[in-house]
N, C-alpha and C. Protein backbone atom coordinates (compact mmCIF):
# COMPACT_ATOMS: atom_id res chain seq x y z
N UNK A 1 16.53 14.02 2.21
CA UNK A 1 16.28 12.87 1.30
C UNK A 1 15.27 13.32 0.24
N UNK A 2 15.42 12.96 -0.95
CA UNK A 2 14.47 13.33 -1.96
C UNK A 2 13.11 12.71 -1.72
N UNK A 3 12.03 13.46 -2.12
CA UNK A 3 10.76 12.93 -2.01
C UNK A 3 10.47 11.79 -2.89
N UNK A 4 9.54 10.89 -2.56
CA UNK A 4 9.23 9.77 -3.38
C UNK A 4 8.18 10.10 -4.41
N UNK A 5 7.65 11.36 -4.38
CA UNK A 5 6.66 11.74 -5.39
C UNK A 5 7.35 12.65 -6.40
N UNK A 6 7.17 12.31 -7.68
CA UNK A 6 7.87 13.06 -8.70
C UNK A 6 7.12 14.35 -8.97
N UNK A 7 7.79 15.50 -9.08
CA UNK A 7 7.17 16.74 -9.35
C UNK A 7 6.80 16.77 -10.83
N UNK A 8 5.80 17.57 -11.16
CA UNK A 8 5.36 17.71 -12.51
C UNK A 8 6.49 18.33 -13.36
N UNK A 9 6.72 17.78 -14.58
CA UNK A 9 7.80 18.37 -15.42
C UNK A 9 7.30 19.66 -16.02
N UNK A 10 8.18 20.59 -16.14
CA UNK A 10 7.84 21.91 -16.69
C UNK A 10 8.75 22.21 -17.86
N UNK A 11 8.20 22.75 -18.96
CA UNK A 11 9.10 23.09 -20.06
C UNK A 11 10.07 24.16 -19.64
N UNK A 12 11.32 24.08 -20.16
CA UNK A 12 12.27 25.07 -19.98
C UNK A 12 12.99 25.00 -18.59
N UNK A 13 12.91 23.80 -17.96
CA UNK A 13 13.68 23.68 -16.74
C UNK A 13 15.10 23.92 -16.95
N UNK A 14 15.74 24.61 -15.92
CA UNK A 14 17.11 24.99 -16.12
C UNK A 14 18.04 23.80 -16.25
N UNK A 15 19.04 23.88 -17.23
CA UNK A 15 20.01 22.78 -17.34
C UNK A 15 20.98 22.84 -16.19
N UNK A 16 21.20 24.03 -15.58
CA UNK A 16 22.17 24.14 -14.49
C UNK A 16 21.54 23.51 -13.27
N UNK A 17 20.24 23.74 -13.05
CA UNK A 17 19.62 23.12 -11.88
C UNK A 17 18.54 22.16 -12.33
N UNK A 18 18.90 21.00 -12.80
CA UNK A 18 17.86 20.06 -13.35
C UNK A 18 16.88 19.59 -12.32
N UNK A 19 15.68 19.40 -12.70
CA UNK A 19 14.63 18.89 -11.81
C UNK A 19 14.68 17.37 -11.90
N UNK A 20 15.17 16.75 -10.85
CA UNK A 20 15.27 15.32 -10.85
C UNK A 20 14.53 14.77 -9.62
N UNK A 21 14.06 13.57 -9.73
CA UNK A 21 13.45 12.88 -8.53
C UNK A 21 14.01 11.45 -8.55
N UNK A 22 14.39 11.01 -7.39
CA UNK A 22 14.88 9.69 -7.27
C UNK A 22 14.16 8.90 -6.20
N UNK A 23 13.83 7.61 -6.56
CA UNK A 23 13.18 6.74 -5.57
C UNK A 23 13.78 5.36 -5.69
N UNK A 24 13.48 4.55 -4.80
CA UNK A 24 14.06 3.23 -4.82
C UNK A 24 12.94 2.21 -4.63
N UNK A 25 13.10 1.01 -5.19
CA UNK A 25 12.21 -0.11 -4.92
C UNK A 25 12.97 -1.39 -5.15
N UNK A 26 12.60 -2.42 -4.49
CA UNK A 26 13.18 -3.71 -4.67
C UNK A 26 12.18 -4.65 -5.32
N UNK A 27 12.54 -5.23 -6.52
CA UNK A 27 11.66 -6.16 -7.19
C UNK A 27 12.04 -7.57 -6.79
N UNK A 28 11.09 -8.26 -6.11
CA UNK A 28 11.32 -9.65 -5.68
C UNK A 28 11.35 -10.54 -6.84
N UNK A 29 11.83 -11.76 -6.53
CA UNK A 29 11.88 -12.77 -7.57
C UNK A 29 10.81 -13.85 -7.42
N UNK A 30 9.61 -13.47 -6.84
CA UNK A 30 8.52 -14.41 -6.79
C UNK A 30 8.66 -15.29 -5.54
N UNK A 31 8.16 -16.51 -5.64
CA UNK A 31 8.15 -17.36 -4.43
C UNK A 31 9.50 -17.77 -4.02
N UNK A 32 10.44 -17.83 -4.91
CA UNK A 32 11.79 -18.23 -4.54
C UNK A 32 12.71 -17.04 -4.38
N UNK A 33 12.17 -15.93 -4.16
CA UNK A 33 13.04 -14.69 -4.13
C UNK A 33 14.01 -14.78 -3.04
N UNK A 34 13.72 -15.58 -1.94
CA UNK A 34 14.71 -15.66 -0.84
C UNK A 34 15.93 -16.39 -1.24
N UNK A 35 15.89 -17.09 -2.39
CA UNK A 35 17.08 -17.90 -2.82
C UNK A 35 18.08 -17.03 -3.58
N UNK A 36 17.64 -15.84 -4.01
CA UNK A 36 18.51 -14.98 -4.84
C UNK A 36 18.37 -13.53 -4.40
N UNK A 37 19.45 -12.75 -4.56
CA UNK A 37 19.38 -11.35 -4.14
C UNK A 37 18.36 -10.54 -4.95
N UNK A 38 17.64 -9.64 -4.34
CA UNK A 38 16.68 -8.80 -5.01
C UNK A 38 17.42 -7.75 -5.83
N UNK A 39 16.76 -7.26 -6.85
CA UNK A 39 17.35 -6.23 -7.69
C UNK A 39 16.81 -4.91 -7.19
N UNK A 40 17.69 -3.99 -6.88
CA UNK A 40 17.31 -2.66 -6.43
C UNK A 40 17.32 -1.66 -7.57
N UNK A 41 16.25 -1.02 -7.76
CA UNK A 41 16.05 -0.08 -8.84
C UNK A 41 16.04 1.38 -8.37
N UNK A 42 17.00 2.15 -8.90
CA UNK A 42 17.08 3.57 -8.56
C UNK A 42 16.46 4.32 -9.72
N UNK A 43 15.46 5.17 -9.43
CA UNK A 43 14.74 5.87 -10.43
C UNK A 43 15.02 7.37 -10.38
N UNK A 44 15.16 7.92 -11.59
CA UNK A 44 15.33 9.40 -11.69
C UNK A 44 14.37 9.89 -12.71
N UNK A 45 14.06 11.16 -12.69
CA UNK A 45 13.11 11.78 -13.62
C UNK A 45 13.73 13.14 -14.08
N UNK A 46 13.66 13.37 -15.37
CA UNK A 46 14.24 14.66 -15.89
C UNK A 46 13.48 14.99 -17.18
N UNK A 47 13.55 16.28 -17.54
CA UNK A 47 12.95 16.72 -18.78
C UNK A 47 13.68 16.18 -20.00
N UNK A 48 14.99 16.32 -19.95
CA UNK A 48 15.76 16.00 -21.12
C UNK A 48 17.06 15.33 -20.66
N UNK A 49 17.73 14.65 -21.60
CA UNK A 49 19.00 13.96 -21.27
C UNK A 49 19.98 14.95 -20.81
N UNK A 50 20.08 16.13 -21.39
CA UNK A 50 20.99 17.14 -21.02
C UNK A 50 20.92 17.53 -19.56
N UNK A 51 19.75 17.45 -18.96
CA UNK A 51 19.57 17.83 -17.56
C UNK A 51 20.33 16.92 -16.65
N UNK A 52 20.73 15.69 -17.09
CA UNK A 52 21.45 14.78 -16.26
C UNK A 52 22.92 15.09 -16.16
N UNK A 53 23.46 16.01 -17.05
CA UNK A 53 24.90 16.18 -17.20
C UNK A 53 25.31 17.57 -16.86
N UNK A 54 26.61 17.69 -16.52
CA UNK A 54 27.20 19.00 -16.13
C UNK A 54 27.14 19.94 -17.31
N UNK A 55 26.47 21.06 -17.24
CA UNK A 55 26.37 21.97 -18.37
C UNK A 55 27.67 22.71 -18.62
N UNK A 56 28.61 22.72 -17.67
CA UNK A 56 29.85 23.35 -17.89
C UNK A 56 30.90 22.47 -18.48
N UNK A 57 30.63 21.16 -18.58
CA UNK A 57 31.56 20.27 -19.19
C UNK A 57 31.50 20.37 -20.74
N UNK A 58 32.63 20.71 -21.40
CA UNK A 58 32.54 20.94 -22.82
C UNK A 58 32.49 19.65 -23.72
N UNK A 59 32.76 18.54 -23.09
CA UNK A 59 32.84 17.29 -23.88
C UNK A 59 31.46 16.76 -24.21
N UNK A 60 31.30 16.12 -25.31
CA UNK A 60 29.91 15.56 -25.63
C UNK A 60 29.68 14.29 -24.85
N UNK A 61 28.41 13.91 -24.73
CA UNK A 61 28.02 12.69 -24.15
C UNK A 61 28.50 11.52 -25.06
N UNK A 62 29.15 10.50 -24.59
CA UNK A 62 29.14 9.96 -23.21
C UNK A 62 30.41 10.48 -22.39
N UNK A 63 31.22 11.35 -22.90
CA UNK A 63 32.40 11.76 -22.20
C UNK A 63 32.11 12.83 -21.08
N UNK A 64 30.93 13.42 -21.17
CA UNK A 64 30.55 14.48 -20.25
C UNK A 64 30.23 13.89 -18.85
N UNK A 65 30.66 14.63 -17.78
CA UNK A 65 30.36 14.17 -16.48
C UNK A 65 28.87 14.41 -16.12
N UNK A 66 28.33 13.57 -15.19
CA UNK A 66 27.00 13.81 -14.68
C UNK A 66 26.97 15.09 -13.87
N UNK A 67 25.85 15.74 -13.76
CA UNK A 67 25.66 16.88 -12.92
C UNK A 67 25.85 16.46 -11.46
N UNK A 68 26.17 17.41 -10.62
CA UNK A 68 26.31 17.13 -9.20
C UNK A 68 25.02 16.67 -8.61
N UNK A 69 23.90 17.22 -9.08
CA UNK A 69 22.60 16.84 -8.53
C UNK A 69 22.29 15.39 -8.89
N UNK A 70 22.50 14.94 -10.17
CA UNK A 70 22.22 13.64 -10.57
C UNK A 70 23.14 12.60 -9.85
N UNK A 71 24.50 12.96 -9.76
CA UNK A 71 25.30 12.02 -9.08
C UNK A 71 24.97 11.89 -7.60
N UNK A 72 24.65 13.00 -6.97
CA UNK A 72 24.24 12.91 -5.55
C UNK A 72 22.97 12.10 -5.31
N UNK A 73 21.97 12.25 -6.20
CA UNK A 73 20.70 11.52 -6.05
C UNK A 73 21.00 10.00 -6.13
N UNK A 74 21.76 9.68 -7.23
CA UNK A 74 22.01 8.24 -7.47
C UNK A 74 22.82 7.62 -6.32
N UNK A 75 23.94 8.29 -5.93
CA UNK A 75 24.77 7.77 -4.88
C UNK A 75 24.11 7.72 -3.56
N UNK A 76 23.32 8.70 -3.22
CA UNK A 76 22.66 8.72 -1.91
C UNK A 76 21.64 7.59 -1.80
N UNK A 77 20.88 7.34 -2.86
CA UNK A 77 19.92 6.22 -2.79
C UNK A 77 20.65 4.91 -2.82
N UNK A 78 21.75 4.81 -3.54
CA UNK A 78 22.50 3.57 -3.58
C UNK A 78 23.03 3.17 -2.16
N UNK A 79 23.42 4.18 -1.37
CA UNK A 79 23.84 3.91 0.00
C UNK A 79 22.76 3.31 0.81
N UNK A 80 21.47 3.67 0.57
CA UNK A 80 20.38 3.16 1.42
C UNK A 80 19.99 1.71 1.00
N UNK A 81 20.41 1.23 -0.12
CA UNK A 81 20.01 -0.09 -0.57
C UNK A 81 20.96 -1.15 -0.04
N UNK A 82 20.44 -2.42 0.06
CA UNK A 82 21.36 -3.49 0.53
C UNK A 82 22.61 -3.65 -0.29
N UNK A 83 23.75 -3.85 0.38
CA UNK A 83 24.98 -3.87 -0.26
C UNK A 83 25.18 -5.04 -1.23
N UNK A 84 24.44 -6.13 -0.98
CA UNK A 84 24.54 -7.30 -1.88
C UNK A 84 23.50 -7.33 -2.94
N UNK A 85 22.65 -6.33 -3.02
CA UNK A 85 21.61 -6.29 -4.10
C UNK A 85 22.18 -5.73 -5.39
N UNK A 86 21.93 -6.38 -6.55
CA UNK A 86 22.30 -5.84 -7.79
C UNK A 86 21.52 -4.54 -8.07
N UNK A 87 22.21 -3.53 -8.64
CA UNK A 87 21.58 -2.26 -8.80
C UNK A 87 21.16 -2.08 -10.31
N UNK A 88 20.04 -1.44 -10.53
CA UNK A 88 19.63 -0.97 -11.81
C UNK A 88 19.25 0.50 -11.74
N UNK A 89 19.52 1.23 -12.80
CA UNK A 89 19.21 2.64 -12.85
C UNK A 89 18.15 2.92 -13.91
N UNK A 90 16.99 3.47 -13.51
CA UNK A 90 15.88 3.75 -14.42
C UNK A 90 15.71 5.18 -14.50
N UNK A 91 15.76 5.75 -15.73
CA UNK A 91 15.62 7.18 -15.94
C UNK A 91 14.36 7.46 -16.75
N UNK A 92 13.43 8.23 -16.14
CA UNK A 92 12.22 8.59 -16.87
C UNK A 92 12.40 9.99 -17.54
N UNK A 93 12.18 10.04 -18.82
CA UNK A 93 12.37 11.29 -19.63
C UNK A 93 11.05 11.78 -20.18
N UNK A 94 10.89 13.06 -20.24
CA UNK A 94 9.75 13.63 -20.82
C UNK A 94 9.69 13.46 -22.29
N UNK A 95 10.84 13.42 -22.99
CA UNK A 95 10.95 13.33 -24.46
C UNK A 95 11.11 11.83 -24.79
N UNK A 96 10.05 11.27 -25.45
CA UNK A 96 10.13 9.83 -25.74
C UNK A 96 11.18 9.55 -26.84
N UNK A 97 11.39 10.49 -27.74
CA UNK A 97 12.35 10.25 -28.83
C UNK A 97 13.82 10.22 -28.22
N UNK A 98 14.02 10.99 -27.16
CA UNK A 98 15.38 10.99 -26.55
C UNK A 98 15.60 9.60 -25.83
N UNK A 99 14.59 8.91 -25.37
CA UNK A 99 14.76 7.61 -24.75
C UNK A 99 15.36 6.65 -25.68
N UNK A 100 14.86 6.59 -26.92
CA UNK A 100 15.42 5.65 -27.89
C UNK A 100 16.80 6.14 -28.42
N UNK A 101 16.93 7.42 -28.66
CA UNK A 101 18.13 7.97 -29.28
C UNK A 101 19.26 7.97 -28.25
N UNK A 102 18.95 8.24 -26.97
CA UNK A 102 20.05 8.54 -26.00
C UNK A 102 20.36 7.40 -25.12
N UNK A 103 19.64 6.28 -25.15
CA UNK A 103 19.81 5.19 -24.25
C UNK A 103 21.30 4.62 -24.23
N UNK A 104 21.85 4.31 -25.37
CA UNK A 104 23.27 3.77 -25.33
C UNK A 104 24.27 4.83 -24.88
N UNK A 105 24.06 6.09 -25.24
CA UNK A 105 25.06 7.16 -24.81
C UNK A 105 24.91 7.37 -23.27
N UNK A 106 23.71 7.45 -22.81
CA UNK A 106 23.50 7.73 -21.31
C UNK A 106 24.04 6.62 -20.56
N UNK A 107 23.79 5.34 -20.98
CA UNK A 107 24.33 4.14 -20.27
C UNK A 107 25.85 4.15 -20.18
N UNK A 108 26.48 4.49 -21.33
CA UNK A 108 27.90 4.55 -21.34
C UNK A 108 28.47 5.72 -20.51
N UNK A 109 27.73 6.84 -20.56
CA UNK A 109 28.23 8.02 -19.80
C UNK A 109 28.11 7.74 -18.28
N UNK A 110 27.04 7.13 -17.84
CA UNK A 110 26.95 6.87 -16.36
C UNK A 110 28.02 5.80 -15.92
N UNK A 111 28.23 4.78 -16.80
CA UNK A 111 29.26 3.83 -16.47
C UNK A 111 30.65 4.49 -16.37
N UNK A 112 30.93 5.37 -17.40
CA UNK A 112 32.24 5.97 -17.44
C UNK A 112 32.39 6.93 -16.25
N UNK A 113 31.36 7.67 -15.92
CA UNK A 113 31.38 8.66 -14.83
C UNK A 113 31.78 8.04 -13.54
N UNK A 114 31.05 6.94 -13.16
CA UNK A 114 31.31 6.29 -11.84
C UNK A 114 32.65 5.51 -11.88
N UNK A 115 33.07 5.00 -13.00
CA UNK A 115 34.33 4.36 -13.13
C UNK A 115 35.43 5.40 -12.88
N UNK A 116 35.28 6.56 -13.39
CA UNK A 116 36.31 7.64 -13.18
C UNK A 116 36.30 8.08 -11.71
N UNK A 117 35.11 8.19 -11.10
CA UNK A 117 35.10 8.52 -9.69
C UNK A 117 35.77 7.47 -8.84
N UNK A 118 35.59 6.19 -9.18
CA UNK A 118 36.18 5.12 -8.41
C UNK A 118 37.77 5.16 -8.62
N UNK A 119 38.16 5.39 -9.87
CA UNK A 119 39.63 5.54 -10.11
C UNK A 119 40.24 6.69 -9.31
N UNK A 120 39.49 7.80 -9.20
CA UNK A 120 40.05 8.93 -8.40
C UNK A 120 40.17 8.53 -6.94
N UNK A 121 39.18 7.78 -6.46
CA UNK A 121 39.20 7.41 -5.02
C UNK A 121 40.34 6.41 -4.81
N UNK A 122 40.63 5.53 -5.80
CA UNK A 122 41.75 4.63 -5.66
C UNK A 122 43.07 5.47 -5.57
N UNK A 123 43.17 6.47 -6.36
CA UNK A 123 44.34 7.38 -6.27
C UNK A 123 44.38 8.04 -4.91
N UNK A 124 43.21 8.43 -4.38
CA UNK A 124 43.16 9.10 -3.05
C UNK A 124 43.62 8.10 -1.98
N UNK A 125 43.22 6.87 -2.12
CA UNK A 125 43.66 5.85 -1.13
C UNK A 125 45.17 5.64 -1.17
N UNK A 126 45.76 5.58 -2.39
CA UNK A 126 47.18 5.40 -2.48
C UNK A 126 47.91 6.63 -1.90
N UNK A 127 47.37 7.82 -2.16
CA UNK A 127 47.98 9.00 -1.60
C UNK A 127 47.90 9.04 -0.06
N UNK A 128 46.68 8.62 0.43
CA UNK A 128 46.54 8.62 1.87
C UNK A 128 47.50 7.61 2.58
N UNK A 129 47.68 6.41 1.99
CA UNK A 129 48.55 5.41 2.58
C UNK A 129 50.01 5.86 2.44
N UNK A 130 50.36 6.61 1.36
CA UNK A 130 51.69 7.16 1.20
C UNK A 130 51.96 8.16 2.30
N UNK A 131 50.94 9.02 2.53
CA UNK A 131 51.11 10.03 3.62
C UNK A 131 51.21 9.34 4.90
N UNK A 132 50.41 8.26 5.15
CA UNK A 132 50.47 7.54 6.37
C UNK A 132 51.79 6.90 6.66
N UNK A 133 52.43 6.33 5.63
CA UNK A 133 53.75 5.75 5.82
C UNK A 133 54.74 6.73 6.09
N UNK A 134 54.72 7.91 5.48
CA UNK A 134 55.63 8.97 5.82
C UNK A 134 55.43 9.49 7.22
N UNK A 135 54.19 9.69 7.62
CA UNK A 135 53.86 10.21 8.95
C UNK A 135 54.29 9.13 10.00
N UNK A 136 54.16 7.85 9.68
CA UNK A 136 54.56 6.80 10.58
C UNK A 136 56.06 6.79 10.80
N UNK A 137 56.80 6.97 9.73
CA UNK A 137 58.26 7.03 9.84
C UNK A 137 58.67 8.18 10.76
N UNK A 138 58.03 9.29 10.53
CA UNK A 138 58.37 10.45 11.37
C UNK A 138 57.99 10.23 12.88
N UNK A 139 56.76 9.63 13.03
CA UNK A 139 56.29 9.38 14.39
C UNK A 139 57.20 8.43 15.13
N UNK A 140 57.62 7.34 14.45
CA UNK A 140 58.46 6.34 15.16
C UNK A 140 59.84 6.98 15.49
N UNK A 141 60.40 7.77 14.56
CA UNK A 141 61.63 8.48 14.82
C UNK A 141 61.49 9.40 16.02
N UNK A 142 60.40 10.18 16.08
CA UNK A 142 60.21 11.12 17.17
C UNK A 142 60.07 10.35 18.50
N UNK A 143 59.29 9.23 18.49
CA UNK A 143 59.15 8.42 19.67
C UNK A 143 60.51 7.85 20.14
N UNK A 144 61.31 7.39 19.20
CA UNK A 144 62.61 6.92 19.61
C UNK A 144 63.47 7.99 20.24
N UNK A 145 63.51 9.17 19.63
CA UNK A 145 64.25 10.26 20.20
C UNK A 145 63.73 10.65 21.59
N UNK A 146 62.40 10.65 21.74
CA UNK A 146 61.86 11.02 23.01
C UNK A 146 62.24 9.99 24.13
N UNK A 147 62.19 8.71 23.73
CA UNK A 147 62.59 7.68 24.75
C UNK A 147 64.06 7.79 25.10
N UNK A 148 64.91 8.09 24.10
CA UNK A 148 66.30 8.24 24.38
C UNK A 148 66.59 9.42 25.25
N UNK A 149 65.96 10.56 24.91
CA UNK A 149 66.21 11.81 25.72
C UNK A 149 65.67 11.59 27.10
N UNK A 150 64.46 10.91 27.23
CA UNK A 150 63.95 10.65 28.56
C UNK A 150 64.89 9.82 29.37
N UNK A 151 65.48 8.80 28.77
CA UNK A 151 66.45 8.01 29.51
C UNK A 151 67.67 8.79 29.94
N UNK A 152 68.15 9.67 29.01
CA UNK A 152 69.31 10.50 29.39
C UNK A 152 68.94 11.45 30.58
N UNK A 153 67.72 12.02 30.49
CA UNK A 153 67.27 12.86 31.59
C UNK A 153 67.21 12.18 32.91
N UNK A 154 66.80 10.91 32.94
CA UNK A 154 66.76 10.17 34.20
C UNK A 154 68.20 9.96 34.69
N UNK A 155 69.13 9.66 33.78
CA UNK A 155 70.50 9.45 34.25
C UNK A 155 71.15 10.69 34.75
N UNK A 156 70.82 11.87 34.09
CA UNK A 156 71.43 13.12 34.53
C UNK A 156 70.80 13.71 35.78
N UNK A 157 69.45 13.51 35.87
CA UNK A 157 68.74 14.18 37.00
C UNK A 157 68.63 13.23 38.18
N UNK A 158 68.81 11.89 37.88
CA UNK A 158 68.67 10.90 38.96
C UNK A 158 67.16 10.62 39.19
N UNK A 159 66.92 9.69 40.07
CA UNK A 159 65.56 9.36 40.39
C UNK A 159 64.83 10.50 41.20
N UNK A 160 63.66 10.83 40.78
CA UNK A 160 62.93 11.91 41.48
C UNK A 160 61.81 12.39 40.66
N UNK A 161 60.98 13.22 41.22
CA UNK A 161 59.74 13.79 40.48
C UNK A 161 60.15 14.58 39.25
N UNK A 162 61.28 15.33 39.29
CA UNK A 162 61.66 16.16 38.18
C UNK A 162 62.05 15.30 36.98
N UNK A 163 62.87 14.25 37.24
CA UNK A 163 63.27 13.35 36.14
C UNK A 163 62.07 12.60 35.62
N UNK A 164 61.15 12.18 36.50
CA UNK A 164 59.96 11.46 36.02
C UNK A 164 59.06 12.39 35.15
N UNK A 165 59.01 13.68 35.57
CA UNK A 165 58.17 14.64 34.80
C UNK A 165 58.71 14.77 33.37
N UNK A 166 60.01 14.96 33.23
CA UNK A 166 60.57 15.16 31.94
C UNK A 166 60.48 13.84 31.06
N UNK A 167 60.79 12.71 31.72
CA UNK A 167 60.73 11.45 31.00
C UNK A 167 59.33 11.07 30.54
N UNK A 168 58.35 11.20 31.43
CA UNK A 168 56.97 10.85 31.11
C UNK A 168 56.42 11.84 30.07
N UNK A 169 56.79 13.11 30.14
CA UNK A 169 56.31 14.07 29.24
C UNK A 169 56.87 13.85 27.83
N UNK A 170 58.11 13.42 27.77
CA UNK A 170 58.73 13.11 26.41
C UNK A 170 58.02 11.87 25.81
N UNK A 171 57.69 10.88 26.65
CA UNK A 171 56.98 9.68 26.15
C UNK A 171 55.63 10.06 25.54
N UNK A 172 54.94 10.97 26.25
CA UNK A 172 53.65 11.44 25.80
C UNK A 172 53.76 12.14 24.43
N UNK A 173 54.79 13.04 24.34
CA UNK A 173 55.05 13.68 23.03
C UNK A 173 55.38 12.69 21.93
N UNK A 174 56.11 11.67 22.25
CA UNK A 174 56.42 10.63 21.27
C UNK A 174 55.19 9.90 20.76
N UNK A 175 54.27 9.59 21.63
CA UNK A 175 53.07 8.85 21.21
C UNK A 175 52.15 9.85 20.47
N UNK A 176 52.08 11.07 20.85
CA UNK A 176 51.24 12.04 20.17
C UNK A 176 51.70 12.18 18.73
N UNK A 177 53.08 12.11 18.52
CA UNK A 177 53.57 12.21 17.15
C UNK A 177 53.09 11.05 16.22
N UNK A 178 52.67 9.98 16.85
CA UNK A 178 52.17 8.80 16.11
C UNK A 178 50.66 8.85 15.98
N UNK A 179 49.96 9.86 16.46
CA UNK A 179 48.48 9.87 16.43
C UNK A 179 48.02 9.94 14.96
N UNK A 180 48.57 10.76 14.14
CA UNK A 180 48.13 10.95 12.79
C UNK A 180 48.30 9.68 11.98
N UNK A 181 49.47 9.03 11.90
CA UNK A 181 49.50 7.76 11.16
C UNK A 181 48.63 6.69 11.65
N UNK A 182 48.42 6.60 12.95
CA UNK A 182 47.48 5.60 13.51
C UNK A 182 46.06 5.89 13.10
N UNK A 183 45.70 7.18 13.03
CA UNK A 183 44.32 7.58 12.59
C UNK A 183 44.17 7.21 11.07
N UNK A 184 45.13 7.38 10.30
CA UNK A 184 45.08 7.02 8.90
C UNK A 184 44.86 5.53 8.69
N UNK A 185 45.73 4.76 9.35
CA UNK A 185 45.71 3.30 9.10
C UNK A 185 44.53 2.57 9.78
N UNK A 186 44.00 3.20 10.87
CA UNK A 186 42.84 2.59 11.59
C UNK A 186 41.49 3.05 11.11
N UNK A 187 41.37 4.37 10.72
CA UNK A 187 40.06 4.91 10.48
C UNK A 187 39.87 5.64 9.18
N UNK A 188 40.84 6.40 8.69
CA UNK A 188 40.62 7.25 7.57
C UNK A 188 40.45 6.56 6.20
N UNK A 189 41.00 5.42 6.11
CA UNK A 189 41.01 4.77 4.81
C UNK A 189 39.67 4.04 4.43
N UNK A 190 39.01 3.53 5.47
CA UNK A 190 37.81 2.68 5.09
C UNK A 190 36.61 3.48 4.60
N UNK A 191 36.30 4.70 5.00
CA UNK A 191 35.22 5.45 4.33
C UNK A 191 35.53 5.65 2.82
N UNK A 192 36.75 5.91 2.47
CA UNK A 192 37.09 6.09 1.00
C UNK A 192 36.94 4.76 0.30
N UNK A 193 37.37 3.64 0.94
CA UNK A 193 37.22 2.36 0.32
C UNK A 193 35.71 2.03 0.10
N UNK A 194 34.92 2.32 1.12
CA UNK A 194 33.45 2.07 0.95
C UNK A 194 32.87 2.85 -0.16
N UNK A 195 33.22 4.08 -0.30
CA UNK A 195 32.70 4.93 -1.34
C UNK A 195 33.15 4.43 -2.73
N UNK A 196 34.38 4.01 -2.80
CA UNK A 196 34.87 3.42 -4.06
C UNK A 196 34.10 2.23 -4.43
N UNK A 197 33.80 1.31 -3.48
CA UNK A 197 33.07 0.13 -3.80
C UNK A 197 31.61 0.47 -4.26
N UNK A 198 31.09 1.50 -3.69
CA UNK A 198 29.74 2.02 -4.13
C UNK A 198 29.78 2.50 -5.56
N UNK A 199 30.85 3.25 -5.92
CA UNK A 199 30.90 3.76 -7.29
C UNK A 199 31.10 2.65 -8.25
N UNK A 200 31.90 1.60 -7.87
CA UNK A 200 32.07 0.47 -8.77
C UNK A 200 30.74 -0.27 -8.99
N UNK A 201 29.96 -0.41 -7.93
CA UNK A 201 28.64 -1.03 -8.10
C UNK A 201 27.75 -0.16 -9.09
N UNK A 202 27.76 1.11 -8.94
CA UNK A 202 27.02 1.99 -9.82
C UNK A 202 27.48 1.90 -11.23
N UNK A 203 28.83 1.79 -11.35
CA UNK A 203 29.39 1.73 -12.77
C UNK A 203 28.93 0.45 -13.49
N UNK A 204 28.69 -0.57 -12.68
CA UNK A 204 28.26 -1.86 -13.27
C UNK A 204 26.73 -2.02 -13.40
N UNK A 205 26.03 -0.99 -12.97
CA UNK A 205 24.50 -1.09 -12.99
C UNK A 205 23.92 -0.88 -14.33
N UNK A 206 23.05 -1.75 -14.84
CA UNK A 206 22.37 -1.46 -16.11
C UNK A 206 21.55 -0.23 -16.01
N UNK A 207 21.50 0.55 -17.17
CA UNK A 207 20.77 1.77 -17.23
C UNK A 207 19.64 1.66 -18.26
N UNK A 208 18.45 2.08 -17.89
CA UNK A 208 17.29 2.04 -18.77
C UNK A 208 16.64 3.40 -18.88
N UNK A 209 16.26 3.82 -20.02
CA UNK A 209 15.52 5.06 -20.22
C UNK A 209 14.08 4.76 -20.63
N UNK A 210 13.06 5.44 -19.94
CA UNK A 210 11.70 5.20 -20.35
C UNK A 210 11.02 6.59 -20.44
N UNK A 211 10.05 6.72 -21.36
CA UNK A 211 9.32 7.90 -21.48
C UNK A 211 8.39 8.10 -20.29
N UNK A 212 8.09 9.30 -19.85
CA UNK A 212 7.17 9.56 -18.77
C UNK A 212 5.75 9.32 -19.34
N UNK A 213 4.95 8.61 -18.55
CA UNK A 213 3.60 8.29 -18.97
C UNK A 213 2.62 9.17 -18.23
């Protein structure tokens, strides 16, 4: 987890490995704060606006993707915050001029970045469910064949341990064939859905730039 103490900014920090710090705080609403959700503020610190973005992305801001470091810091802290709390993103920059000049572009870039991440996860969910339906069709077919063959084995071999061994073994094989689709529909989809909801929350979070004091 990132430290809550911001390191001193140094000139010439690498764009490829930006020096960022992220912390969180909840700003209460006064005496009646229990009547409304608190606002959770995620704070980052960087030398320059460029340090927040992927240096290998050729597109200009706001079309450029966030760097992996910036995205991981923001997303990791957002996971620690209450799910019903509105999110704000506060970025401290060493260059005061960039705060005024880059605020609209950075806000749009962060919104677009997390919207694109959420769209990709929606596509992943659709692909996962498509795979699950295909696997389920195969699993049900295999189970049906196994039950049929097991019944035939009992009729051919008669009652006895050998017939029971083959019949029960085929039933086990049939259920094992359904393990993957059951795993998809019961467990695999919800972590992706949770991550998508997190990215949508971050896409809707207001972004503010402030100079480092």
